[in-house]
Amino acid sequence: MRRGNPINTIMNKIISKEQFSEKVYCIEVEAPLIASSCRAGNFIIVRVDKNSERVPYTIAKANPEKGTLTMVIQEVGLSSTKLCQMNVATKLPTS
């Protein structure tokens, strides 16, 4: 059996969510470690729950001073729909 490196999972809180259109949302997540080292255009891996797939989402904006990053997400499949339906203050696992 082959063993890979463990995936580091961090719980990050949704601090704001704005609906841009019927299926497009802007979600700001509190993630100080990621925000301090990423740039717009990088991506973050998100799992909305323990049974969901690992999905990469593009980081639209990072604010290192505030410790946040912003993603613009379109509801397409099950995982993106679940993410867009989450409420502010919900914690989600990222890596």
Protein backbone atom coordinates (compact mmCIF):
# COMPACT_ATOMS: atom_id res chain seq x y z
CA MET A 1 0.00 0.00 0.00
CA ARG A 2 1.38 3.39 -1.01
CA ARG A 3 1.22 6.21 1.50
CA GLY A 4 1.14 9.85 0.48
CA ASN A 5 1.68 12.99 2.48
CA PRO A 6 -1.19 13.91 4.78
CA ILE A 7 -3.30 16.84 3.63
CA ASN A 8 -3.28 19.75 6.06
CA THR A 9 -6.84 20.86 6.63
CA ILE A 10 -7.69 24.17 8.27
CA MET A 11 -11.16 25.37 9.23
CA ASN A 12 -11.83 28.87 7.88
CA LYS A 13 -14.90 30.98 8.63
CA ILE A 14 -17.07 32.59 5.96
CA ILE A 15 -17.23 36.25 6.96
CA SER A 16 -19.34 37.65 4.12
CA LYS A 17 -21.39 36.43 1.20
CA GLU A 18 -22.97 38.47 -1.57
CA GLN A 19 -25.13 37.18 -4.40
CA PHE A 20 -24.06 38.69 -7.73
CA SER A 21 -26.65 36.92 -9.89
CA GLU A 22 -28.93 33.90 -9.78
CA LYS A 23 -26.04 31.42 -9.48
CA VAL A 24 -22.95 33.54 -8.80
CA TYR A 25 -21.77 34.43 -5.29
CA CYS A 26 -18.88 36.41 -3.85
CA ILE A 27 -17.66 34.73 -0.67
CA GLU A 28 -15.06 36.22 1.68
CA VAL A 29 -13.30 33.76 3.98
CA GLU A 30 -11.16 34.42 7.04
CA ALA A 31 -7.83 32.73 6.23
CA PRO A 32 -4.85 34.72 7.55
CA LEU A 33 -2.17 32.14 6.74
CA ILE A 34 -3.33 31.74 3.16
CA ALA A 35 -4.02 35.47 2.63
CA SER A 36 -0.48 36.39 3.67
CA SER A 37 1.16 34.17 1.05
CA CYS A 38 -1.20 34.06 -1.93
CA ARG A 39 -2.05 36.35 -4.81
CA ALA A 40 -5.10 36.87 -6.94
CA GLY A 41 -5.25 34.06 -9.49
CA ASN A 42 -3.91 31.40 -7.13
CA PHE A 43 -6.38 28.78 -6.02
CA ILE A 44 -7.51 27.21 -2.79
CA ILE A 45 -8.78 23.66 -2.29
CA VAL A 46 -12.15 23.51 -0.53
CA ARG A 47 -14.19 20.59 0.78
CA VAL A 48 -17.65 21.68 1.89
CA ASP A 49 -18.06 18.60 4.09
CA LYS A 50 -16.24 15.38 4.92
CA ASN A 51 -17.96 13.48 2.09
CA SER A 52 -17.48 16.03 -0.68
CA GLU A 53 -14.79 16.18 -3.31
CA ARG A 54 -11.78 18.49 -3.08
CA VAL A 55 -12.50 21.38 -5.44
CA PRO A 56 -10.04 24.13 -6.46
CA TYR A 57 -11.50 27.65 -6.45
CA THR A 58 -9.69 30.69 -7.81
CA ILE A 59 -8.80 33.41 -5.33
CA ALA A 60 -10.20 36.66 -6.72
CA LYS A 61 -8.66 38.88 -4.03
CA ALA A 62 -6.44 38.44 -0.99
CA ASN A 63 -6.22 40.95 1.86
CA PRO A 64 -3.21 40.10 4.07
CA GLU A 65 -3.87 42.99 6.46
CA LYS A 66 -7.41 41.80 7.12
CA GLY A 67 -6.45 38.12 6.84
CA THR A 68 -9.13 37.32 4.27
CA LEU A 69 -9.48 36.02 0.76
CA THR A 70 -12.35 36.44 -1.66
CA MET A 71 -13.70 33.92 -4.15
CA VAL A 72 -16.34 34.41 -6.85
CA ILE A 73 -18.15 31.10 -7.24
CA GLN A 74 -20.75 29.96 -9.73
CA GLU A 75 -23.15 27.19 -8.74
CA VAL A 76 -22.44 24.42 -11.25
CA GLY A 77 -22.25 21.08 -9.46
CA LEU A 78 -23.11 19.67 -6.06
CA SER A 79 -20.03 20.99 -4.20
CA SER A 80 -20.27 24.55 -5.54
CA THR A 81 -24.01 24.61 -4.82
CA LYS A 82 -23.42 23.45 -1.22
CA LEU A 83 -20.71 26.10 -0.79
CA CYS A 84 -22.92 28.87 -2.17
CA GLN A 85 -25.74 27.83 0.18
CA MET A 86 -23.54 28.06 3.30
CA ASN A 87 -24.25 30.90 5.70
CA VAL A 88 -21.93 33.59 7.05
CA ALA A 89 -20.01 32.36 10.14
CA THR A 90 -19.99 28.76 8.84
CA LYS A 91 -16.55 27.13 8.99
CA LEU A 92 -15.31 25.19 6.01
CA PRO A 93 -12.21 23.05 5.55
CA THR A 94 -9.53 24.33 3.16
CA SER A 95 -6.05 23.19 2.25
